[in-house]
Amino acid sequence: MNNNLKKIGSAYIVCMLLLYPVIITDKYYNITDTKLYTFYISTATFAIATIIYNYVRWLKNDENVGLLSKIDLWIIITLVLEAVIAGISTNDFGIALKATVVYGVGIAFFLILGIGVLCVQITGFKEDVFLFSLMLGVTITSALGMLQFLGVDLFGLISSVIIEDKDTFISTIGNTSFFGAYMAVCFPITAYAFNKLDNYRYITSISVALSVIGSIVSDTDATILALAVEMILVVLLMLSKGRDIKKVFQLGSIIAAAILLFNLMLLLSTEERYLFGVQKLFINPIIWGVIFALCLVGGKLVDSNTAIISKVIRVTCKVLLGLIIASPTLSIVYTKLTYVNLDSPISRALYLDYNWGNRRGFIWSKAIELFNTGSPREILLGRGIGSFSDQFQSIYGSESMERYLAFFDDAHNIYLQCMFEYGIIGLILLVIICARVILRLNKSEVEFDGYRLASFIGLLICSTCLVVQNITPAFLVLFM
C-alpha cells in the first residue's frame, strides 16, 4: 500500500479513535451533537480525499489504485435504494431522516458509515497509529468515567446535565450503556497492544485495565456477556499464535486486578450504585481474587509445565465459552417453562422476568408481534425511518409503564429495529455486511485481524441490547 495513501487513512484513524471519543457528547444539553458531526464531517472529508487521490493516481496509470469489489458496489447501491424506499414509507421524511442521522440509527447512518469503511479498505492505515490512538482514547474517556463514578465531577460535566439524565450520564460518551459497549469493543484491541508493544508495557497495561473497568460500569447485560466472550477469545488467540504463555498469565492478572479495583470503587463511591445480577455475578471479588492468585502462581510454574498448563487453559476456556453461549437460551427456556420468582437468587443472577430472558424480553417479543401485523410490503421493505417508536408506544406504551419500564424510543436490539423499519431486505443487508466482516477477518493470517474479529463479535453481542451505535462507528469502519 502506498505510504502517502496510508497517511490519509491514518489521519482518519486518529480522528475516529482519539478525537471522536474524547469530544463530549452534548445531546444532553439540547444543543447540536458535536460528536456526531465530527463523525460525519471527518468521514466526508476522508472520502473526498480518498476519491481525489485515487482519481489522480488512476490518471497517472498507477496500477496500485485501490478498487472496490463488485459485491461492495452492489451493497452500496442496494443500501441507497433501501434508504429511498424507507423514506417514501415515512410520512414526514425530512424530520425522520434528521432524527435518524442525529440519533445514529438506521440506513442513512450506516450508509455514511459504509463510505468510511470502503475508503479505509482502499487507503489502509498504519497499525501503530491505530493502537496508540485507541489506547489514548480509552485511557482518557475511561479515567474520566472512573472519577465521575467516584463522585468527582471533573470539568462539571455531570452538574451540567439535565436532571432526568444525571443517573445515566458518564464520561464523554454520555450514556452508561453506550460507554460500556464502547469499552467492551476496545478491550481485545488493547489486549493485542499489550501483546505487541513490549516497550510500552505501562500504557498498554493501563489501557487494558481501564477498558475492562469501563465495560463493567455498564448497566447492560449484553455488554458484560460480550466482555466475557472477548476475554476467552483473546486468551485462545494468544495461545494459538505462539505467544509466550507467561503473557496470558500477565494479562489475566491485569484483568483480575482491574475487576478487584472496581469492587473497591464501589465501596468508595459517594453514591449508592445498583448492580444487576449479571454484573454482581461477573465482578464477584472471591472469584477474581482466586483468578489473580492462580495467574501469579501459574506464571511461576509455566516454565516446567508449559504444554500441560496450556492445554488446561484451552479446555477451560472452551467449556466456559460454551456455557456463556448457551446461557441466554437457557434463560429464555427457564422463563418460558417455569413460574419465575423474581426475588429468587437465580432470577436475580440471571436478570429474568416473566416474558423472556430479561427485562428487554417484553420489548423484543412485542416488537416481533408488531412486525408480524404488517402488510406483505411492510414486512419486506419495512415501515420507514423512525417508525418503531411511534407505533410501539401507541400500542404498548401504557403496558410498558405498568411494568415499570421506561419510555422506549427503540427496540433495544439493532437487528429487530432494522427488521421493523427496513424490512426483511434491510435485515438481510445488515447480516450480509456482518458476515462479510467475519469471513474476511477469519480468513486473514494477520495476527491483528484475529483481535479485530474478537472485537467485532463483541460489538455484535452488545448490539443485541442496544440500537444506538453512534458510539462505535470508529470500530465498524475498521472492521469492514
Protein backbone atom coordinates (compact mmCIF):
# COMPACT_ATOMS: atom_id res chain seq x y z
CA MET A 1 0.00 0.00 0.00
CA ASN A 2 1.30 3.47 -0.93
CA ASN A 3 2.67 5.28 2.17
CA ASN A 4 1.08 8.59 1.19
CA LEU A 5 -2.27 6.85 0.89
CA LYS A 6 -1.78 5.24 4.30
CA LYS A 7 -1.24 8.69 5.79
CA ILE A 8 -4.75 9.64 4.68
CA GLY A 9 -6.19 6.57 6.36
CA SER A 10 -4.10 7.10 9.49
CA ALA A 11 -5.33 10.69 9.83
CA TYR A 12 -8.89 9.39 9.81
CA ILE A 13 -7.95 6.74 12.39
CA VAL A 14 -6.61 9.41 14.76
CA CYS A 15 -9.80 11.39 14.33
CA MET A 16 -12.14 8.45 14.96
CA LEU A 17 -10.21 6.65 17.71
CA LEU A 18 -8.89 9.62 19.69
CA LEU A 19 -10.69 12.84 18.80
CA TYR A 20 -14.15 11.32 18.33
CA PRO A 21 -14.49 9.55 21.71
CA VAL A 22 -12.88 12.36 23.71
CA ILE A 23 -15.25 15.03 22.37
CA ILE A 24 -18.08 15.46 24.85
CA THR A 25 -21.45 14.25 23.66
CA ASP A 26 -23.76 17.22 24.00
CA LYS A 27 -27.20 15.89 23.08
CA TYR A 28 -27.92 16.00 26.82
CA TYR A 29 -27.66 19.78 26.76
CA ASN A 30 -30.19 20.39 23.97
CA ILE A 31 -27.57 21.76 21.59
CA THR A 32 -26.04 20.32 18.44
CA ASP A 33 -24.32 16.97 18.81
CA THR A 34 -20.67 17.82 18.13
CA LYS A 35 -19.61 14.20 18.49
CA LEU A 36 -21.79 13.00 15.62
CA TYR A 37 -20.96 15.99 13.46
CA THR A 38 -17.29 15.16 13.97
CA PHE A 39 -18.01 11.71 12.58
CA TYR A 40 -19.95 12.98 9.57
CA ILE A 41 -17.56 15.79 8.65
CA SER A 42 -14.41 13.69 9.08
CA THR A 43 -15.90 10.82 7.07
CA ALA A 44 -16.94 13.16 4.26
CA THR A 45 -13.50 14.80 4.20
CA PHE A 46 -11.80 11.41 4.27
CA ALA A 47 -13.97 10.09 1.43
CA ILE A 48 -13.35 13.13 -0.77
CA ALA A 49 -9.60 12.97 -0.16
CA THR A 50 -9.55 9.26 -0.97
CA ILE A 51 -11.53 9.70 -4.18
CA ILE A 52 -9.42 12.62 -5.40
CA TYR A 53 -6.13 10.91 -4.57
CA ASN A 54 -7.14 7.69 -6.30
CA TYR A 55 -8.51 9.55 -9.33
CA VAL A 56 -5.20 11.38 -9.77
CA ARG A 57 -3.29 8.11 -9.49
CA TRP A 58 -5.65 6.50 -11.98
CA LEU A 59 -4.95 9.29 -14.46
CA LYS A 60 -1.23 8.57 -14.00
CA ASN A 61 -1.90 4.89 -14.80
CA ASP A 62 -0.80 3.76 -11.35
CA GLU A 63 -1.59 0.04 -11.14
CA ASN A 64 -1.82 0.08 -7.34
CA VAL A 65 -5.02 2.08 -7.18
CA GLY A 66 -7.39 0.52 -4.66
CA LEU A 67 -10.67 -0.60 -6.21
CA LEU A 68 -13.92 -1.83 -4.72
CA SER A 69 -15.24 -5.30 -5.39
CA LYS A 70 -18.47 -5.70 -7.34
CA ILE A 71 -20.28 -7.05 -4.29
CA ASP A 72 -19.31 -3.93 -2.28
CA LEU A 73 -20.68 -1.71 -5.04
CA TRP A 74 -23.94 -3.66 -5.14
CA ILE A 75 -24.28 -3.39 -1.36
CA ILE A 76 -23.91 0.40 -1.63
CA ILE A 77 -26.48 0.60 -4.44
CA THR A 78 -28.94 -1.58 -2.50
CA LEU A 79 -28.46 0.49 0.65
CA VAL A 80 -29.24 3.68 -1.27
CA LEU A 81 -32.38 2.13 -2.76
CA GLU A 82 -33.45 0.83 0.64
CA ALA A 83 -32.96 4.28 2.20
CA VAL A 84 -35.10 5.84 -0.54
CA ILE A 85 -37.85 3.24 -0.05
CA ALA A 86 -37.75 3.75 3.72
CA GLY A 87 -38.09 7.48 3.13
CA ILE A 88 -41.12 7.04 0.90
CA SER A 89 -42.70 4.86 3.60
CA THR A 90 -42.36 7.63 6.20
CA ASN A 91 -44.99 10.35 6.49
CA ASP A 92 -42.56 13.14 7.33
CA PHE A 93 -39.34 12.04 5.66
CA GLY A 94 -37.37 15.19 6.47
CA ILE A 95 -37.96 15.05 10.23
CA ALA A 96 -37.44 11.28 10.34
CA LEU A 97 -34.20 11.48 8.34
CA LYS A 98 -32.83 14.23 10.56
CA ALA A 99 -33.74 12.22 13.67
CA THR A 100 -32.04 9.06 12.46
CA VAL A 101 -28.89 10.97 11.49
CA VAL A 102 -28.63 12.74 14.86
CA TYR A 103 -29.67 9.67 16.85
CA GLY A 104 -27.23 7.47 14.99
CA VAL A 105 -29.67 4.79 13.87
CA GLY A 106 -30.77 3.50 10.50
CA ILE A 107 -29.77 3.16 6.88
CA ALA A 108 -28.76 6.82 6.48
CA PHE A 109 -26.23 6.50 9.29
CA PHE A 110 -24.93 3.12 8.11
CA LEU A 111 -24.69 4.34 4.52
CA ILE A 112 -22.32 7.14 5.58
CA LEU A 113 -20.50 4.65 7.78
CA GLY A 114 -20.19 2.31 4.79
CA ILE A 115 -18.49 5.04 2.78
CA GLY A 116 -15.86 5.39 5.50
CA VAL A 117 -15.49 1.61 5.60
CA LEU A 118 -14.78 1.33 1.90
CA CYS A 119 -12.33 4.23 1.98
CA VAL A 120 -10.39 2.55 4.79
CA GLN A 121 -10.23 -0.58 2.64
CA ILE A 122 -8.74 1.48 -0.18
CA THR A 123 -6.27 3.56 1.82
CA GLY A 124 -5.16 1.21 4.58
CA PHE A 125 -3.65 2.59 7.78
CA LYS A 126 -0.59 2.31 9.99
CA GLU A 127 -1.06 -0.19 12.80
CA ASP A 128 0.94 1.75 15.39
CA VAL A 129 -1.16 4.87 14.75
CA PHE A 130 -4.27 2.77 15.25
CA LEU A 131 -3.08 1.22 18.53
CA PHE A 132 -1.83 4.39 20.19
CA SER A 133 -4.87 6.42 19.13
CA LEU A 134 -7.19 3.80 20.57
CA MET A 135 -5.25 3.40 23.81
CA LEU A 136 -5.15 7.14 24.42
CA GLY A 137 -8.86 7.44 23.67
CA VAL A 138 -9.64 4.60 26.09
CA THR A 139 -7.38 5.99 28.80
CA ILE A 140 -8.83 9.50 28.70
CA THR A 141 -12.52 8.57 28.49
CA SER A 142 -12.37 5.68 30.99
CA ALA A 143 -10.28 7.63 33.53
CA LEU A 144 -12.81 10.47 33.38
CA GLY A 145 -15.64 7.96 33.80
CA MET A 146 -13.94 6.39 36.85
CA LEU A 147 -13.60 9.78 38.51
CA GLN A 148 -17.27 10.53 37.88
CA PHE A 149 -18.18 7.09 39.23
CA LEU A 150 -16.36 8.01 42.44
CA GLY A 151 -18.23 11.31 42.66
CA VAL A 152 -15.52 13.58 41.24
CA ASP A 153 -17.27 15.75 38.65
CA LEU A 154 -14.23 16.88 36.66
CA PHE A 155 -14.98 19.88 34.39
CA GLY A 156 -18.53 19.99 35.83
CA LEU A 157 -19.93 17.72 33.14
CA ILE A 158 -22.47 15.85 35.28
CA SER A 159 -23.67 19.01 37.02
CA SER A 160 -24.43 20.50 33.61
CA VAL A 161 -26.64 17.59 32.53
CA ILE A 162 -30.40 17.95 32.78
CA ILE A 163 -31.75 16.33 35.95
CA GLU A 164 -33.55 13.35 34.39
CA ASP A 165 -30.35 12.20 32.65
CA LYS A 166 -27.88 12.54 35.54
CA ASP A 167 -28.19 8.90 36.64
CA THR A 168 -27.25 7.54 33.21
CA PHE A 169 -24.58 10.07 32.22
CA ILE A 170 -20.89 9.16 32.36
CA SER A 171 -17.61 10.28 30.80
CA THR A 172 -17.65 11.95 27.37
CA ILE A 173 -19.84 9.21 25.88
CA GLY A 174 -22.88 10.43 27.75
CA ASN A 175 -24.72 7.19 28.49
CA THR A 176 -23.63 4.36 30.77
CA SER A 177 -24.81 1.62 28.40
CA PHE A 178 -23.07 3.13 25.37
CA PHE A 179 -19.94 3.82 27.42
CA GLY A 180 -19.78 0.18 28.48
CA ALA A 181 -20.26 -1.07 24.92
CA TYR A 182 -17.55 1.29 23.67
CA MET A 183 -15.08 -0.04 26.23
CA ALA A 184 -16.01 -3.67 25.60
CA VAL A 185 -15.30 -3.24 21.90
CA CYS A 186 -11.95 -1.65 22.81
CA PHE A 187 -10.81 -4.47 25.09
CA PRO A 188 -9.50 -7.01 22.51
CA ILE A 189 -7.52 -4.30 20.74
CA THR A 190 -5.90 -3.15 23.99
CA ALA A 191 -5.06 -6.81 24.69
CA TYR A 192 -3.40 -7.03 21.27
CA ALA A 193 -1.39 -3.89 22.03
CA PHE A 194 -0.33 -5.47 25.35
CA ASN A 195 0.99 -8.49 23.42
CA LYS A 196 2.59 -6.49 20.64
CA LEU A 197 4.15 -3.42 22.24
CA ASP A 198 6.61 -4.78 24.79
CA ASN A 199 8.38 -1.43 25.06
CA TYR A 200 5.20 0.33 26.15
CA ARG A 201 4.08 -2.06 28.88
CA TYR A 202 2.76 0.63 31.24
CA ILE A 203 0.40 2.32 28.81
CA THR A 204 -0.79 -0.99 27.35
CA SER A 205 -1.46 -2.43 30.83
CA ILE A 206 -3.34 0.70 31.87
CA SER A 207 -5.46 0.69 28.70
CA VAL A 208 -6.36 -2.99 29.24
CA ALA A 209 -7.38 -2.34 32.86
CA LEU A 210 -9.39 0.78 32.00
CA SER A 211 -11.22 -0.90 29.13
CA VAL A 212 -12.27 -3.70 31.50
CA ILE A 213 -13.42 -1.32 34.23
CA GLY A 214 -15.25 0.81 31.68
CA SER A 215 -17.07 -2.25 30.35
CA ILE A 216 -18.37 -3.43 33.73
CA VAL A 217 -19.60 0.05 34.62
CA SER A 218 -22.30 -0.59 32.01
CA ASP A 219 -25.82 -1.47 33.15
CA THR A 220 -26.36 -3.60 30.04
CA ASP A 221 -26.19 -7.36 30.47
CA ALA A 222 -25.20 -7.95 26.83
CA THR A 223 -22.10 -5.79 27.37
CA ILE A 224 -20.99 -7.98 30.28
CA LEU A 225 -21.65 -11.05 28.12
CA ALA A 226 -19.64 -9.52 25.26
CA LEU A 227 -16.69 -8.78 27.56
CA ALA A 228 -16.71 -12.33 28.92
CA VAL A 229 -16.71 -13.80 25.39
CA GLU A 230 -13.94 -11.43 24.29
CA MET A 231 -11.75 -12.37 27.25
CA ILE A 232 -11.98 -16.04 26.35
CA LEU A 233 -11.35 -15.41 22.66
CA VAL A 234 -8.31 -13.26 23.47
CA VAL A 235 -6.78 -15.99 25.64
CA LEU A 236 -7.36 -18.59 22.90
CA LEU A 237 -5.81 -16.24 20.33
CA MET A 238 -2.75 -15.70 22.48
CA LEU A 239 -2.25 -19.43 22.87
CA SER A 240 -2.83 -20.19 19.19
CA LYS A 241 -0.41 -17.57 17.89
CA GLY A 242 2.53 -19.00 19.83
CA ARG A 243 2.77 -16.07 22.22
CA ASP A 244 4.73 -16.53 25.44
CA ILE A 245 2.26 -18.22 27.76
CA LYS A 246 3.55 -16.02 30.58
CA LYS A 247 1.81 -13.13 28.84
CA VAL A 248 -1.50 -14.97 29.24
CA PHE A 249 -0.98 -15.01 33.00
CA GLN A 250 0.20 -11.39 32.98
CA LEU A 251 -2.90 -10.32 31.08
CA GLY A 252 -5.10 -12.38 33.40
CA SER A 253 -3.57 -10.75 36.47
CA ILE A 254 -4.19 -7.28 34.99
CA ILE A 255 -7.84 -8.12 34.25
CA ALA A 256 -8.34 -9.61 37.73
CA ALA A 257 -6.69 -6.60 39.38
CA ALA A 258 -8.91 -4.24 37.35
CA ILE A 259 -12.10 -6.01 38.45
CA LEU A 260 -10.94 -6.08 42.08
CA LEU A 261 -10.25 -2.34 41.76
CA PHE A 262 -13.80 -1.85 40.51
CA ASN A 263 -15.08 -3.60 43.65
CA LEU A 264 -13.03 -1.13 45.68
CA MET A 265 -14.54 1.73 43.65
CA LEU A 266 -18.00 0.51 44.67
CA LEU A 267 -17.02 0.84 48.30
CA LEU A 268 -15.52 4.30 47.80
CA SER A 269 -18.29 5.70 45.61
CA THR A 270 -20.18 8.60 47.17
CA GLU A 271 -23.43 7.32 45.65
CA GLU A 272 -25.18 4.00 46.11
CA ARG A 273 -24.76 2.01 42.91
CA TYR A 274 -27.39 -0.50 41.84
CA LEU A 275 -25.90 -3.51 40.04
CA PHE A 276 -27.88 -6.04 38.05
CA GLY A 277 -27.46 -9.72 38.79
CA VAL A 278 -25.19 -10.34 35.82
CA GLN A 279 -22.85 -7.56 36.93
CA LYS A 280 -22.75 -8.86 40.50
CA LEU A 281 -22.00 -12.36 39.28
CA PHE A 282 -19.28 -11.21 36.90
CA ILE A 283 -17.39 -8.99 39.35
CA ASN A 284 -17.52 -11.40 42.29
CA PRO A 285 -14.35 -10.46 44.24
CA ILE A 286 -13.81 -14.00 45.54
CA ILE A 287 -13.75 -15.47 42.02
CA TRP A 288 -11.39 -12.81 40.70
CA GLY A 289 -9.21 -12.98 43.82
CA VAL A 290 -8.71 -16.69 43.11
CA ILE A 291 -8.01 -15.98 39.41
CA PHE A 292 -5.46 -13.33 40.38
CA ALA A 293 -3.68 -15.78 42.68
CA LEU A 294 -3.74 -18.53 40.03
CA CYS A 295 -2.22 -16.15 37.48
CA LEU A 296 0.61 -15.28 39.84
CA VAL A 297 1.29 -18.95 40.64
CA GLY A 298 0.87 -20.05 37.01
CA GLY A 299 3.41 -17.51 35.85
CA LYS A 300 5.96 -19.13 38.16
CA LEU A 301 5.21 -22.73 37.21
CA VAL A 302 4.77 -22.35 33.47
CA ASP A 303 8.42 -22.87 32.51
CA SER A 304 8.43 -26.52 33.56
CA ASN A 305 4.82 -27.40 32.63
CA THR A 306 4.07 -25.31 29.54
CA ALA A 307 2.27 -27.95 27.47
CA ILE A 308 0.04 -29.20 30.30
CA ILE A 309 -0.87 -25.72 31.56
CA SER A 310 -1.60 -24.51 28.01
CA LYS A 311 -3.92 -27.47 27.40
CA VAL A 312 -5.75 -26.95 30.69
CA ILE A 313 -6.31 -23.27 29.86
CA ARG A 314 -7.59 -24.11 26.37
CA VAL A 315 -10.06 -26.72 27.63
CA THR A 316 -11.26 -24.43 30.44
CA CYS A 317 -11.79 -21.53 28.03
CA LYS A 318 -13.74 -23.68 25.57
CA VAL A 319 -16.00 -25.03 28.31
CA LEU A 320 -16.65 -21.53 29.65
CA LEU A 321 -17.32 -20.22 26.14
CA GLY A 322 -19.87 -22.98 25.57
CA LEU A 323 -21.64 -22.18 28.84
CA ILE A 324 -21.72 -18.45 28.07
CA ILE A 325 -23.13 -19.05 24.58
CA ALA A 326 -25.79 -21.40 25.98
CA SER A 327 -26.79 -19.15 28.89
CA PRO A 328 -29.19 -16.81 27.01
CA THR A 329 -31.05 -19.78 25.52
CA LEU A 330 -31.23 -21.49 28.90
CA SER A 331 -32.56 -18.28 30.46
CA ILE A 332 -35.29 -17.98 27.83
CA VAL A 333 -36.31 -21.63 28.22
CA TYR A 334 -36.27 -21.27 32.00
CA THR A 335 -38.60 -18.27 31.97
CA LYS A 336 -40.92 -19.82 29.37
CA LEU A 337 -41.35 -23.20 31.06
CA THR A 338 -41.43 -22.24 34.73
CA TYR A 339 -43.15 -19.78 37.01
CA VAL A 340 -40.33 -17.40 37.88
CA ASN A 341 -39.99 -15.97 41.36
CA LEU A 342 -38.39 -12.62 40.57
CA ASP A 343 -36.94 -12.36 44.07
CA SER A 344 -35.15 -15.70 43.96
CA PRO A 345 -31.32 -15.85 43.81
CA ILE A 346 -31.49 -17.50 40.35
CA SER A 347 -33.72 -14.76 38.93
CA ARG A 348 -31.56 -12.00 40.36
CA ALA A 349 -28.44 -13.66 38.97
CA LEU A 350 -29.90 -14.19 35.51
CA TYR A 351 -31.77 -10.85 35.40
CA LEU A 352 -35.09 -12.50 34.46
CA ASP A 353 -38.75 -11.57 34.09
CA TYR A 354 -41.91 -13.40 33.02
CA ASN A 355 -41.70 -12.66 29.32
CA TRP A 356 -38.29 -13.61 28.03
CA GLY A 357 -34.70 -13.99 29.20
CA ASN A 358 -34.51 -10.45 30.67
CA ARG A 359 -36.49 -7.22 31.07
CA ARG A 360 -36.00 -6.37 27.43
CA GLY A 361 -37.91 -9.55 26.66
CA PHE A 362 -41.18 -7.64 26.77
CA ILE A 363 -39.97 -5.13 24.17
CA TRP A 364 -38.45 -7.81 21.93
CA SER A 365 -41.49 -10.10 21.99
CA LYS A 366 -43.90 -7.20 21.33
CA ALA A 367 -41.64 -5.86 18.56
CA ILE A 368 -41.89 -9.23 16.80
CA GLU A 369 -45.66 -9.29 17.29
CA LEU A 370 -45.95 -5.78 15.88
CA PHE A 371 -43.73 -6.66 12.91
CA ASN A 372 -45.93 -9.67 12.08
CA THR A 373 -49.03 -7.43 11.86
CA GLY A 374 -47.56 -5.56 8.87
CA SER A 375 -48.64 -5.91 5.27
CA PRO A 376 -46.51 -8.03 2.90
CA ARG A 377 -44.91 -4.81 1.62
CA GLU A 378 -44.11 -3.61 5.16
CA ILE A 379 -42.65 -6.98 6.12
CA LEU A 380 -40.45 -6.99 3.03
CA LEU A 381 -39.46 -3.31 2.83
CA GLY A 382 -40.14 -2.05 6.36
CA ARG A 383 -42.35 0.69 7.78
CA GLY A 384 -39.93 3.56 7.33
CA ILE A 385 -37.31 5.56 9.15
CA GLY A 386 -38.12 6.20 12.80
CA SER A 387 -41.42 4.32 12.67
CA PHE A 388 -40.79 1.89 15.51
CA SER A 389 -41.00 4.34 18.42
CA ASP A 390 -44.38 5.86 17.50
CA GLN A 391 -46.06 2.59 16.61
CA PHE A 392 -44.72 0.69 19.62
CA GLN A 393 -45.68 3.42 22.08
CA SER A 394 -49.15 3.88 20.59
CA ILE A 395 -49.97 0.21 21.18
CA TYR A 396 -47.79 -0.95 24.07
CA GLY A 397 -46.83 2.32 25.77
CA SER A 398 -49.25 2.07 28.68
CA GLU A 399 -48.42 -1.60 29.26
CA SER A 400 -44.73 -0.71 29.30
CA MET A 401 -45.30 1.88 32.02
CA GLU A 402 -47.38 -0.59 34.05
CA ARG A 403 -44.36 -2.89 34.03
CA TYR A 404 -42.20 -0.02 35.30
CA LEU A 405 -40.32 0.09 32.01
CA ALA A 406 -39.12 3.48 30.82
CA PHE A 407 -40.32 5.20 27.67
CA PHE A 408 -38.56 3.40 24.84
CA ASP A 409 -37.57 5.06 21.58
CA ASP A 410 -36.17 1.87 20.08
CA ALA A 411 -36.33 -1.92 20.21
CA HIS A 412 -33.17 -2.23 22.32
CA ASN A 413 -31.95 -4.67 19.68
CA ILE A 414 -30.43 -3.38 16.46
CA TYR A 415 -31.48 -6.45 14.48
CA LEU A 416 -35.16 -6.15 15.46
CA GLN A 417 -35.04 -2.39 14.89
CA CYS A 418 -33.56 -2.83 11.43
CA MET A 419 -36.10 -5.53 10.52
CA PHE A 420 -39.04 -3.38 11.64
CA GLU A 421 -38.03 -0.14 9.94
CA TYR A 422 -36.27 -1.53 6.84
CA GLY A 423 -37.95 -4.90 6.47
CA ILE A 424 -36.54 -8.30 5.70
CA ILE A 425 -34.42 -6.78 2.93
CA GLY A 426 -32.79 -4.32 5.33
CA LEU A 427 -32.09 -7.06 7.85
CA ILE A 428 -30.58 -9.30 5.16
CA LEU A 429 -28.29 -6.45 4.08
CA LEU A 430 -27.12 -5.96 7.66
CA VAL A 431 -26.48 -9.70 8.03
CA ILE A 432 -24.55 -9.80 4.73
CA ILE A 433 -22.33 -6.91 5.79
CA CYS A 434 -21.62 -8.51 9.18
CA ALA A 435 -21.00 -11.91 7.58
CA ARG A 436 -18.51 -10.39 5.12
CA VAL A 437 -16.64 -8.80 8.00
CA ILE A 438 -16.46 -12.07 9.92
CA LEU A 439 -15.38 -14.10 6.88
CA ARG A 440 -12.74 -11.57 5.84
CA LEU A 441 -11.17 -11.36 9.29
CA ASN A 442 -11.44 -15.08 9.97
CA LYS A 443 -9.61 -15.96 6.75
CA SER A 444 -6.82 -13.49 7.39
CA GLU A 445 -3.43 -14.79 8.52
CA VAL A 446 -2.61 -11.44 10.12
CA GLU A 447 -2.50 -11.72 13.92
CA PHE A 448 -4.10 -8.29 14.40
CA ASP A 449 -7.18 -9.38 12.43
CA GLY A 450 -7.91 -12.12 14.96
CA TYR A 451 -8.25 -9.50 17.70
CA ARG A 452 -10.31 -7.27 15.41
CA LEU A 453 -12.63 -10.24 14.87
CA ALA A 454 -12.96 -10.76 18.63
CA SER A 455 -13.82 -7.09 18.99
CA PHE A 456 -16.38 -7.23 16.19
CA ILE A 457 -18.03 -10.28 17.76
CA GLY A 458 -18.24 -8.29 20.99
CA LEU A 459 -19.91 -5.45 19.09
CA LEU A 460 -22.49 -7.84 17.61
CA ILE A 461 -23.28 -9.17 21.10
CA CYS A 462 -23.61 -5.64 22.52
CA SER A 463 -26.00 -4.82 19.67
CA THR A 464 -28.49 -7.42 20.89
CA CYS A 465 -29.38 -4.98 23.69
CA LEU A 466 -28.55 -1.66 22.01
CA VAL A 467 -29.69 0.20 18.91
CA VAL A 468 -27.82 3.47 19.10
CA GLN A 469 -24.46 2.75 17.52
CA ASN A 470 -23.08 6.28 17.37
CA ILE A 471 -20.50 5.33 19.99
CA THR A 472 -18.86 2.69 17.82
CA PRO A 473 -18.61 3.88 14.19
CA ALA A 474 -14.86 4.14 14.50
CA PHE A 475 -14.66 0.42 15.14
CA LEU A 476 -17.15 -0.59 12.49
CA VAL A 477 -15.15 1.41 9.97
CA LEU A 478 -12.05 -0.56 10.81
CA PHE A 479 -13.67 -3.98 10.74
CA MET A 480 -15.31 -3.85 7.35
